[in-house]
Amino acid sequence: MKNRFSRLVWLAGPIGGGIAISIALYLSGCSGESMELMLRSKITDALARRSQATRAKDIDAYMASVPEDIALRDKSGSVMTRDQIRDEVLRGWSIITKTILINEVIDSINVNGDSAIVYTVQRWKRLMLEQDRKTVDTVLTTLSRRELWRNTSKGWFRYTVENLGGKVFINGYPYP
């Protein structure tokens, strides 16, 4: 069984890692709990790559975490293109002089076939320029989020993010 199992995973690999894992778990008799653990690991890795890209201000690495077919809406409800998302990220990074800490952890995950609802908590501490472009403040944000992740031929990607609330602190003081 092990050889047949290994060959099937290898054959399924080009289709997409998540599909291969699904087939492998099904054939090996793994439970939905095992599938959730495997997916949690994949999404945790994706979140870590995005955080590292943010820390390093590596826009190419950051954009690698944005799916090609994204249809993100801005605050006005307009659909943003990948180029607009890229520009928006770079604009935001332009006032950050240093990321001290950024981490996202999964609070819970609900898998439904090739998609998952993932609840995350983000903590991001950074040094940011004020409007005078000289004064630097320490800004800490904590956010709870509800995210929709989908499995594609290129792996698992985050498609939507809904901020559920959080706090902002500037130089240690709560910001309204």
N, C-alpha and C. Protein backbone atom coordinates (compact mmCIF):
# COMPACT_ATOMS: atom_id res chain seq x y z
N MET A 1 0.83 -1.21 0.00
CA MET A 1 0.00 0.00 0.00
C MET A 1 0.86 1.26 0.00
N LYS A 2 2.00 1.20 0.73
CA LYS A 2 2.83 2.40 0.81
C LYS A 2 3.34 2.81 -0.56
N ASN A 3 3.80 1.87 -1.40
CA ASN A 3 4.30 2.21 -2.73
C ASN A 3 3.20 2.78 -3.60
N ARG A 4 2.03 2.16 -3.60
CA ARG A 4 0.91 2.67 -4.39
C ARG A 4 0.52 4.07 -3.92
N PHE A 5 0.50 4.25 -2.61
CA PHE A 5 0.16 5.54 -2.01
C PHE A 5 1.17 6.59 -2.45
N SER A 6 2.46 6.29 -2.39
CA SER A 6 3.51 7.24 -2.78
C SER A 6 3.38 7.61 -4.25
N ARG A 7 3.13 6.63 -5.10
CA ARG A 7 3.00 6.91 -6.53
C ARG A 7 1.80 7.82 -6.80
N LEU A 8 0.70 7.59 -6.11
CA LEU A 8 -0.49 8.40 -6.34
C LEU A 8 -0.23 9.84 -5.93
N VAL A 9 0.43 10.06 -4.80
CA VAL A 9 0.74 11.42 -4.37
C VAL A 9 1.65 12.07 -5.39
N TRP A 10 2.64 11.33 -5.91
CA TRP A 10 3.55 11.88 -6.91
C TRP A 10 2.78 12.26 -8.17
N LEU A 11 1.87 11.41 -8.61
CA LEU A 11 1.08 11.70 -9.81
C LEU A 11 0.14 12.89 -9.59
N ALA A 12 -0.39 13.01 -8.39
CA ALA A 12 -1.32 14.09 -8.11
C ALA A 12 -0.59 15.41 -7.87
N GLY A 13 0.69 15.34 -7.57
CA GLY A 13 1.47 16.54 -7.25
C GLY A 13 1.33 17.67 -8.26
N PRO A 14 1.47 17.43 -9.56
CA PRO A 14 1.35 18.52 -10.53
C PRO A 14 -0.02 19.19 -10.55
N ILE A 15 -1.04 18.50 -10.09
CA ILE A 15 -2.38 19.07 -10.05
C ILE A 15 -2.45 20.17 -9.01
N GLY A 16 -1.74 20.01 -7.94
CA GLY A 16 -1.74 21.00 -6.85
C GLY A 16 -1.53 20.30 -5.54
N GLY A 17 -0.68 20.90 -4.71
CA GLY A 17 -0.35 20.28 -3.43
C GLY A 17 -1.55 19.94 -2.58
N GLY A 18 -2.52 20.84 -2.53
CA GLY A 18 -3.69 20.60 -1.69
C GLY A 18 -4.52 19.42 -2.17
N ILE A 19 -4.64 19.27 -3.48
CA ILE A 19 -5.39 18.15 -4.03
C ILE A 19 -4.66 16.85 -3.72
N ALA A 20 -3.34 16.86 -3.90
CA ALA A 20 -2.54 15.67 -3.61
C ALA A 20 -2.70 15.28 -2.15
N ILE A 21 -2.69 16.26 -1.27
CA ILE A 21 -2.84 15.97 0.15
C ILE A 21 -4.23 15.40 0.42
N SER A 22 -5.25 15.99 -0.21
CA SER A 22 -6.62 15.48 -0.02
C SER A 22 -6.72 14.03 -0.44
N ILE A 23 -6.17 13.70 -1.61
CA ILE A 23 -6.20 12.32 -2.10
C ILE A 23 -5.44 11.41 -1.16
N ALA A 24 -4.25 11.86 -0.74
CA ALA A 24 -3.42 11.05 0.14
C ALA A 24 -4.13 10.78 1.46
N LEU A 25 -4.74 11.82 2.04
CA LEU A 25 -5.44 11.63 3.31
C LEU A 25 -6.64 10.72 3.15
N TYR A 26 -7.36 10.85 2.04
CA TYR A 26 -8.51 10.01 1.80
C TYR A 26 -8.09 8.54 1.70
N LEU A 27 -7.06 8.28 0.89
CA LEU A 27 -6.61 6.90 0.68
C LEU A 27 -6.00 6.29 1.93
N SER A 28 -5.39 7.13 2.76
CA SER A 28 -4.75 6.59 3.96
C SER A 28 -5.74 6.48 5.11
N GLY A 29 -6.98 6.93 4.88
CA GLY A 29 -8.00 6.82 5.92
C GLY A 29 -7.89 7.90 6.98
N CYS A 30 -7.19 8.99 6.69
CA CYS A 30 -7.04 10.07 7.66
C CYS A 30 -8.38 10.77 7.86
N SER A 31 -8.57 11.28 9.03
CA SER A 31 -9.81 11.95 9.37
C SER A 31 -9.82 13.39 8.88
N GLY A 32 -10.98 14.01 8.97
CA GLY A 32 -11.09 15.43 8.66
C GLY A 32 -10.21 16.26 9.58
N GLU A 33 -10.00 15.74 10.79
CA GLU A 33 -9.12 16.43 11.74
C GLU A 33 -7.69 16.47 11.21
N SER A 34 -7.25 15.36 10.60
CA SER A 34 -5.90 15.33 10.01
C SER A 34 -5.82 16.29 8.84
N MET A 35 -6.88 16.36 8.04
CA MET A 35 -6.92 17.28 6.91
C MET A 35 -6.81 18.71 7.42
N GLU A 36 -7.53 19.01 8.50
CA GLU A 36 -7.48 20.35 9.07
C GLU A 36 -6.08 20.67 9.57
N LEU A 37 -5.42 19.71 10.20
CA LEU A 37 -4.05 19.94 10.68
C LEU A 37 -3.09 20.18 9.52
N MET A 38 -3.24 19.43 8.44
CA MET A 38 -2.39 19.59 7.28
C MET A 38 -2.63 20.97 6.65
N LEU A 39 -3.89 21.36 6.52
CA LEU A 39 -4.22 22.65 5.95
C LEU A 39 -3.75 23.79 6.86
N ARG A 40 -3.90 23.61 8.15
CA ARG A 40 -3.43 24.62 9.11
C ARG A 40 -1.93 24.85 8.91
N SER A 41 -1.19 23.79 8.69
CA SER A 41 0.25 23.91 8.46
C SER A 41 0.54 24.67 7.17
N LYS A 42 -0.17 24.35 6.10
CA LYS A 42 0.03 25.03 4.81
C LYS A 42 -0.30 26.53 4.92
N ILE A 43 -1.40 26.86 5.57
CA ILE A 43 -1.80 28.27 5.69
C ILE A 43 -0.86 29.01 6.64
N THR A 44 -0.43 28.36 7.71
CA THR A 44 0.55 28.97 8.61
C THR A 44 1.82 29.32 7.85
N ASP A 45 2.28 28.41 6.99
CA ASP A 45 3.46 28.68 6.16
C ASP A 45 3.23 29.87 5.23
N ALA A 46 2.04 29.94 4.62
CA ALA A 46 1.71 31.04 3.71
C ALA A 46 1.68 32.37 4.47
N LEU A 47 1.11 32.37 5.67
CA LEU A 47 1.07 33.59 6.49
C LEU A 47 2.48 34.02 6.87
N ALA A 48 3.34 33.05 7.19
CA ALA A 48 4.73 33.37 7.55
C ALA A 48 5.48 33.96 6.36
N ARG A 49 5.26 33.43 5.17
CA ARG A 49 5.91 33.98 3.97
C ARG A 49 5.46 35.42 3.71
N ARG A 50 4.17 35.68 3.88
CA ARG A 50 3.65 37.03 3.68
C ARG A 50 4.21 37.98 4.73
N SER A 51 4.28 37.54 5.98
CA SER A 51 4.85 38.37 7.05
C SER A 51 6.31 38.66 6.78
N GLN A 52 7.06 37.65 6.33
CA GLN A 52 8.47 37.87 6.02
C GLN A 52 8.62 38.86 4.86
N ALA A 53 7.77 38.76 3.86
CA ALA A 53 7.81 39.70 2.74
C ALA A 53 7.52 41.12 3.22
N THR A 54 6.58 41.26 4.14
CA THR A 54 6.26 42.57 4.70
C THR A 54 7.44 43.10 5.51
N ARG A 55 8.01 42.25 6.35
CA ARG A 55 9.16 42.65 7.17
C ARG A 55 10.31 43.14 6.29
N ALA A 56 10.56 42.43 5.18
CA ALA A 56 11.67 42.76 4.28
C ALA A 56 11.28 43.79 3.21
N LYS A 57 10.01 44.15 3.16
CA LYS A 57 9.48 45.03 2.11
C LYS A 57 9.83 44.48 0.72
N ASP A 58 9.62 43.18 0.57
CA ASP A 58 9.89 42.48 -0.68
C ASP A 58 8.57 42.35 -1.45
N ILE A 59 8.32 43.31 -2.33
CA ILE A 59 7.02 43.36 -3.00
C ILE A 59 6.79 42.15 -3.90
N ASP A 60 7.83 41.63 -4.53
CA ASP A 60 7.64 40.45 -5.38
C ASP A 60 7.22 39.23 -4.56
N ALA A 61 7.87 39.04 -3.41
CA ALA A 61 7.48 37.93 -2.53
C ALA A 61 6.07 38.15 -1.99
N TYR A 62 5.74 39.39 -1.66
CA TYR A 62 4.39 39.69 -1.17
C TYR A 62 3.35 39.38 -2.25
N MET A 63 3.61 39.83 -3.46
CA MET A 63 2.64 39.62 -4.55
C MET A 63 2.51 38.15 -4.92
N ALA A 64 3.53 37.35 -4.64
CA ALA A 64 3.43 35.91 -4.88
C ALA A 64 2.35 35.28 -4.00
N SER A 65 1.98 35.96 -2.92
CA SER A 65 0.94 35.45 -2.02
C SER A 65 -0.45 35.94 -2.41
N VAL A 66 -0.52 36.75 -3.46
CA VAL A 66 -1.81 37.28 -3.93
C VAL A 66 -2.23 36.48 -5.16
N PRO A 67 -3.39 35.84 -5.12
CA PRO A 67 -3.81 35.02 -6.26
C PRO A 67 -4.01 35.85 -7.53
N GLU A 68 -3.74 35.21 -8.66
CA GLU A 68 -3.87 35.88 -9.97
C GLU A 68 -5.30 36.38 -10.22
N ASP A 69 -6.28 35.63 -9.76
CA ASP A 69 -7.68 35.96 -10.04
C ASP A 69 -8.37 36.69 -8.88
N ILE A 70 -7.59 37.40 -8.08
CA ILE A 70 -8.15 38.12 -6.94
C ILE A 70 -9.14 39.19 -7.42
N ALA A 71 -10.19 39.40 -6.66
CA ALA A 71 -11.17 40.45 -6.94
C ALA A 71 -11.43 41.18 -5.62
N LEU A 72 -10.41 41.86 -5.14
CA LEU A 72 -10.48 42.57 -3.87
C LEU A 72 -11.19 43.91 -4.07
N ARG A 73 -12.06 44.23 -3.14
CA ARG A 73 -12.78 45.51 -3.22
C ARG A 73 -12.18 46.50 -2.23
N ASP A 74 -12.03 47.75 -2.67
CA ASP A 74 -11.55 48.79 -1.78
C ASP A 74 -12.71 49.32 -0.94
N LYS A 75 -12.46 50.34 -0.13
CA LYS A 75 -13.49 50.86 0.77
C LYS A 75 -14.69 51.44 0.03
N SER A 76 -14.48 51.91 -1.20
CA SER A 76 -15.59 52.47 -1.98
C SER A 76 -16.38 51.40 -2.72
N GLY A 77 -15.89 50.15 -2.69
CA GLY A 77 -16.58 49.06 -3.36
C GLY A 77 -16.05 48.74 -4.74
N SER A 78 -15.06 49.51 -5.21
CA SER A 78 -14.47 49.26 -6.53
C SER A 78 -13.52 48.06 -6.46
N VAL A 79 -13.49 47.28 -7.54
CA VAL A 79 -12.59 46.13 -7.61
C VAL A 79 -11.19 46.62 -7.92
N MET A 80 -10.23 46.13 -7.13
CA MET A 80 -8.83 46.52 -7.32
C MET A 80 -8.10 45.47 -8.15
N THR A 81 -7.27 45.93 -9.07
CA THR A 81 -6.45 45.02 -9.86
C THR A 81 -5.22 44.64 -9.04
N ARG A 82 -4.48 43.65 -9.51
CA ARG A 82 -3.23 43.26 -8.85
C ARG A 82 -2.25 44.44 -8.83
N ASP A 83 -2.20 45.22 -9.92
CA ASP A 83 -1.30 46.37 -9.96
C ASP A 83 -1.70 47.41 -8.93
N GLN A 84 -3.00 47.61 -8.74
CA GLN A 84 -3.47 48.57 -7.73
C GLN A 84 -3.15 48.06 -6.32
N ILE A 85 -3.29 46.76 -6.11
CA ILE A 85 -2.95 46.18 -4.81
C ILE A 85 -1.46 46.39 -4.55
N ARG A 86 -0.65 46.11 -5.55
CA ARG A 86 0.81 46.31 -5.44
C ARG A 86 1.12 47.77 -5.06
N ASP A 87 0.53 48.72 -5.78
CA ASP A 87 0.76 50.14 -5.50
C ASP A 87 0.32 50.51 -4.09
N GLU A 88 -0.80 49.98 -3.65
CA GLU A 88 -1.32 50.28 -2.32
C GLU A 88 -0.38 49.74 -1.23
N VAL A 89 0.13 48.54 -1.43
CA VAL A 89 1.07 47.95 -0.47
C VAL A 89 2.34 48.79 -0.41
N LEU A 90 2.87 49.16 -1.56
CA LEU A 90 4.10 49.97 -1.59
C LEU A 90 3.88 51.33 -0.94
N ARG A 91 2.71 51.93 -1.16
CA ARG A 91 2.40 53.21 -0.52
C ARG A 91 2.39 53.06 0.99
N GLY A 92 1.77 52.01 1.48
CA GLY A 92 1.75 51.76 2.92
C GLY A 92 3.14 51.53 3.49
N TRP A 93 3.93 50.76 2.78
CA TRP A 93 5.30 50.48 3.24
C TRP A 93 6.18 51.72 3.24
N SER A 94 5.86 52.72 2.40
CA SER A 94 6.73 53.89 2.27
C SER A 94 6.82 54.70 3.56
N ILE A 95 5.85 54.57 4.45
CA ILE A 95 5.90 55.32 5.70
C ILE A 95 6.32 54.44 6.88
N ILE A 96 6.65 53.20 6.61
CA ILE A 96 7.12 52.30 7.66
C ILE A 96 8.65 52.24 7.55
N THR A 97 9.32 52.70 8.61
CA THR A 97 10.78 52.67 8.58
C THR A 97 11.33 51.31 9.01
N LYS A 98 10.57 50.61 9.85
CA LYS A 98 11.00 49.29 10.31
C LYS A 98 9.83 48.52 10.89
N THR A 99 9.76 47.25 10.56
CA THR A 99 8.82 46.36 11.22
C THR A 99 9.57 45.69 12.36
N ILE A 100 9.09 45.90 13.56
CA ILE A 100 9.71 45.31 14.75
C ILE A 100 9.23 43.88 14.94
N LEU A 101 7.93 43.68 14.75
CA LEU A 101 7.30 42.38 14.95
C LEU A 101 6.08 42.30 14.06
N ILE A 102 5.91 41.19 13.39
CA ILE A 102 4.65 40.92 12.70
C ILE A 102 4.42 39.42 12.77
N ASN A 103 3.26 39.07 13.27
CA ASN A 103 2.91 37.66 13.24
C ASN A 103 1.40 37.50 13.13
N GLU A 104 1.04 36.46 12.44
CA GLU A 104 -0.36 36.09 12.29
C GLU A 104 -0.48 34.65 12.72
N VAL A 105 -1.45 34.37 13.55
CA VAL A 105 -1.68 33.01 13.98
C VAL A 105 -3.13 32.63 13.67
N ILE A 106 -3.32 31.37 13.42
CA ILE A 106 -4.66 30.86 13.15
C ILE A 106 -5.34 30.56 14.47
N ASP A 107 -6.51 31.15 14.63
CA ASP A 107 -7.32 30.89 15.81
C ASP A 107 -8.18 29.65 15.58
N SER A 108 -8.84 29.62 14.44
CA SER A 108 -9.64 28.44 14.10
C SER A 108 -9.76 28.33 12.59
N ILE A 109 -10.11 27.14 12.15
CA ILE A 109 -10.21 26.88 10.71
C ILE A 109 -11.37 25.92 10.46
N ASN A 110 -12.16 26.23 9.43
CA ASN A 110 -13.29 25.38 9.04
C ASN A 110 -13.12 25.05 7.56
N VAL A 111 -12.81 23.79 7.27
CA VAL A 111 -12.55 23.35 5.91
C VAL A 111 -13.84 22.89 5.27
N ASN A 112 -14.04 23.30 4.01
CA ASN A 112 -15.19 22.86 3.24
C ASN A 112 -14.72 22.58 1.81
N GLY A 113 -14.25 21.37 1.56
CA GLY A 113 -13.76 21.01 0.24
C GLY A 113 -12.50 21.76 -0.12
N ASP A 114 -12.57 22.54 -1.20
CA ASP A 114 -11.38 23.28 -1.65
C ASP A 114 -11.34 24.72 -1.14
N SER A 115 -12.12 25.00 -0.10
CA SER A 115 -12.06 26.33 0.52
C SER A 115 -12.09 26.17 2.04
N ALA A 116 -11.71 27.23 2.71
CA ALA A 116 -11.68 27.20 4.17
C ALA A 116 -11.93 28.62 4.69
N ILE A 117 -12.68 28.68 5.77
CA ILE A 117 -12.83 29.92 6.51
C ILE A 117 -11.83 29.84 7.65
N VAL A 118 -10.95 30.84 7.70
CA VAL A 118 -9.86 30.84 8.67
C VAL A 118 -9.96 32.11 9.51
N TYR A 119 -10.00 31.94 10.81
CA TYR A 119 -9.99 33.07 11.73
C TYR A 119 -8.55 33.25 12.21
N THR A 120 -8.03 34.46 12.02
CA THR A 120 -6.64 34.73 12.40
C THR A 120 -6.57 35.93 13.35
N VAL A 121 -5.45 36.00 14.02
CA VAL A 121 -5.14 37.15 14.87
C VAL A 121 -3.78 37.65 14.42
N GLN A 122 -3.71 38.94 14.10
CA GLN A 122 -2.46 39.54 13.67
C GLN A 122 -1.99 40.55 14.72
N ARG A 123 -0.69 40.54 14.94
CA ARG A 123 -0.05 41.52 15.82
C ARG A 123 1.11 42.11 15.01
N TRP A 124 1.08 43.44 14.81
CA TRP A 124 2.08 44.10 13.97
C TRP A 124 2.58 45.35 14.68
N LYS A 125 3.86 45.33 15.05
CA LYS A 125 4.50 46.47 15.70
C LYS A 125 5.55 47.02 14.74
N ARG A 126 5.46 48.32 14.48
CA ARG A 126 6.34 48.92 13.49
C ARG A 126 6.63 50.38 13.83
N LEU A 127 7.69 50.89 13.21
CA LEU A 127 8.03 52.30 13.32
C LEU A 127 7.50 52.98 12.07
N MET A 128 6.69 54.04 12.28
CA MET A 128 6.05 54.72 11.17
C MET A 128 6.31 56.21 11.22
N LEU A 129 6.48 56.78 10.03
CA LEU A 129 6.68 58.23 9.91
C LEU A 129 5.35 58.96 10.06
N GLU A 130 5.43 60.10 10.74
CA GLU A 130 4.25 60.98 10.80
C GLU A 130 4.19 61.77 9.50
N GLN A 131 3.18 62.65 9.37
CA GLN A 131 3.00 63.41 8.14
C GLN A 131 4.19 64.31 7.80
N ASP A 132 4.95 64.73 8.82
CA ASP A 132 6.11 65.58 8.55
C ASP A 132 7.27 64.80 7.93
N ARG A 133 7.13 63.48 7.87
CA ARG A 133 8.13 62.56 7.29
C ARG A 133 9.46 62.58 8.06
N LYS A 134 9.43 63.11 9.30
CA LYS A 134 10.64 63.11 10.15
C LYS A 134 10.38 62.41 11.48
N THR A 135 9.26 62.73 12.11
CA THR A 135 8.91 62.17 13.41
C THR A 135 8.50 60.70 13.22
N VAL A 136 9.05 59.85 14.08
CA VAL A 136 8.76 58.42 14.00
C VAL A 136 7.99 57.99 15.24
N ASP A 137 6.92 57.25 15.04
CA ASP A 137 6.11 56.70 16.13
C ASP A 137 6.18 55.19 16.10
N THR A 138 6.03 54.59 17.27
CA THR A 138 5.90 53.13 17.38
C THR A 138 4.41 52.83 17.34
N VAL A 139 4.01 52.06 16.34
CA VAL A 139 2.59 51.73 16.15
C VAL A 139 2.42 50.23 16.31
N LEU A 140 1.47 49.85 17.15
CA LEU A 140 1.11 48.45 17.35
C LEU A 140 -0.35 48.28 16.99
N THR A 141 -0.64 47.35 16.09
CA THR A 141 -2.03 47.02 15.79
C THR A 141 -2.24 45.54 16.09
N THR A 142 -3.41 45.27 16.62
CA THR A 142 -3.84 43.89 16.82
C THR A 142 -5.18 43.76 16.11
N LEU A 143 -5.30 42.77 15.27
CA LEU A 143 -6.52 42.58 14.49
C LEU A 143 -6.98 41.13 14.54
N SER A 144 -8.28 40.96 14.66
CA SER A 144 -8.89 39.65 14.45
C SER A 144 -9.52 39.69 13.07
N ARG A 145 -9.35 38.59 12.34
CA ARG A 145 -9.84 38.57 10.95
C ARG A 145 -10.55 37.27 10.63
N ARG A 146 -11.47 37.39 9.70
CA ARG A 146 -12.13 36.23 9.09
C ARG A 146 -11.68 36.22 7.64
N GLU A 147 -11.03 35.13 7.22
CA GLU A 147 -10.46 35.06 5.88
C GLU A 147 -11.02 33.87 5.11
N LEU A 148 -11.20 34.07 3.82
CA LEU A 148 -11.60 32.98 2.93
C LEU A 148 -10.36 32.55 2.16
N TRP A 149 -9.99 31.30 2.29
CA TRP A 149 -8.87 30.70 1.57
C TRP A 149 -9.41 29.69 0.58
N ARG A 150 -8.77 29.63 -0.59
CA ARG A 150 -9.17 28.66 -1.63
C ARG A 150 -7.95 27.90 -2.12
N ASN A 151 -8.20 26.64 -2.44
CA ASN A 151 -7.14 25.83 -3.02
C ASN A 151 -7.19 26.00 -4.53
N THR A 152 -6.06 26.37 -5.11
CA THR A 152 -5.95 26.54 -6.56
C THR A 152 -4.91 25.57 -7.08
N SER A 153 -4.68 25.58 -8.37
CA SER A 153 -3.65 24.72 -8.95
C SER A 153 -2.25 25.12 -8.46
N LYS A 154 -2.13 26.33 -7.90
CA LYS A 154 -0.83 26.81 -7.39
C LYS A 154 -0.74 26.74 -5.87
N GLY A 155 -1.75 26.19 -5.22
CA GLY A 155 -1.75 26.07 -3.76
C GLY A 155 -2.86 26.88 -3.12
N TRP A 156 -2.80 27.01 -1.80
CA TRP A 156 -3.81 27.72 -1.04
C TRP A 156 -3.51 29.21 -1.01
N PHE A 157 -4.55 30.02 -1.31
CA PHE A 157 -4.41 31.47 -1.32
C PHE A 157 -5.55 32.11 -0.55
N ARG A 158 -5.23 33.24 0.06
CA ARG A 158 -6.23 34.04 0.77
C ARG A 158 -6.93 34.93 -0.26
N TYR A 159 -8.27 34.85 -0.30
CA TYR A 159 -9.05 35.62 -1.26
C TYR A 159 -9.77 36.81 -0.65
N THR A 160 -10.27 36.66 0.55
CA THR A 160 -10.94 37.79 1.20
C THR A 160 -10.49 37.88 2.65
N VAL A 161 -10.52 39.11 3.15
CA VAL A 161 -10.18 39.38 4.54
C VAL A 161 -11.24 40.32 5.09
N GLU A 162 -11.85 39.91 6.18
CA GLU A 162 -12.82 40.75 6.87
C GLU A 162 -12.25 41.06 8.25
N ASN A 163 -11.97 42.34 8.52
CA ASN A 163 -11.47 42.72 9.83
C ASN A 163 -12.62 42.69 10.82
N LEU A 164 -12.43 41.95 11.91
CA LEU A 164 -13.48 41.78 12.91
C LEU A 164 -13.29 42.71 14.10
N GLY A 165 -12.20 43.42 14.12
CA GLY A 165 -11.94 44.35 15.21
C GLY A 165 -10.51 44.21 15.69
N GLY A 166 -10.10 45.16 16.45
CA GLY A 166 -8.75 45.16 16.97
C GLY A 166 -8.46 46.46 17.67
N LYS A 167 -7.20 46.63 18.02
CA LYS A 167 -6.78 47.83 18.73
C LYS A 167 -5.55 48.41 18.08
N VAL A 168 -5.39 49.72 18.23
CA VAL A 168 -4.23 50.43 17.73
C VAL A 168 -3.61 51.18 18.91
N PHE A 169 -2.30 51.06 19.03
CA PHE A 169 -1.56 51.80 20.05
C PHE A 169 -0.46 52.60 19.37
N ILE A 170 -0.34 53.86 19.72
CA ILE A 170 0.71 54.72 19.19
C ILE A 170 1.57 55.16 20.37
N ASN A 171 2.84 54.80 20.28
CA ASN A 171 3.80 55.07 21.35
C ASN A 171 3.29 54.59 22.71
N GLY A 172 2.62 53.43 22.69
CA GLY A 172 2.13 52.81 23.92
C GLY A 172 0.76 53.26 24.39
N TYR A 173 0.19 54.25 23.73
CA TYR A 173 -1.11 54.78 24.14
C TYR A 173 -2.20 54.32 23.17
N PRO A 174 -3.37 53.92 23.71
CA PRO A 174 -4.47 53.51 22.81
C PRO A 174 -4.87 54.66 21.89
N TYR A 175 -5.13 54.31 20.66
CA TYR A 175 -5.60 55.28 19.67
C TYR A 175 -7.08 55.02 19.43
N PRO A 176 -7.87 56.10 19.49
CA PRO A 176 -9.32 55.88 19.34
C PRO A 176 -9.64 55.23 18.06
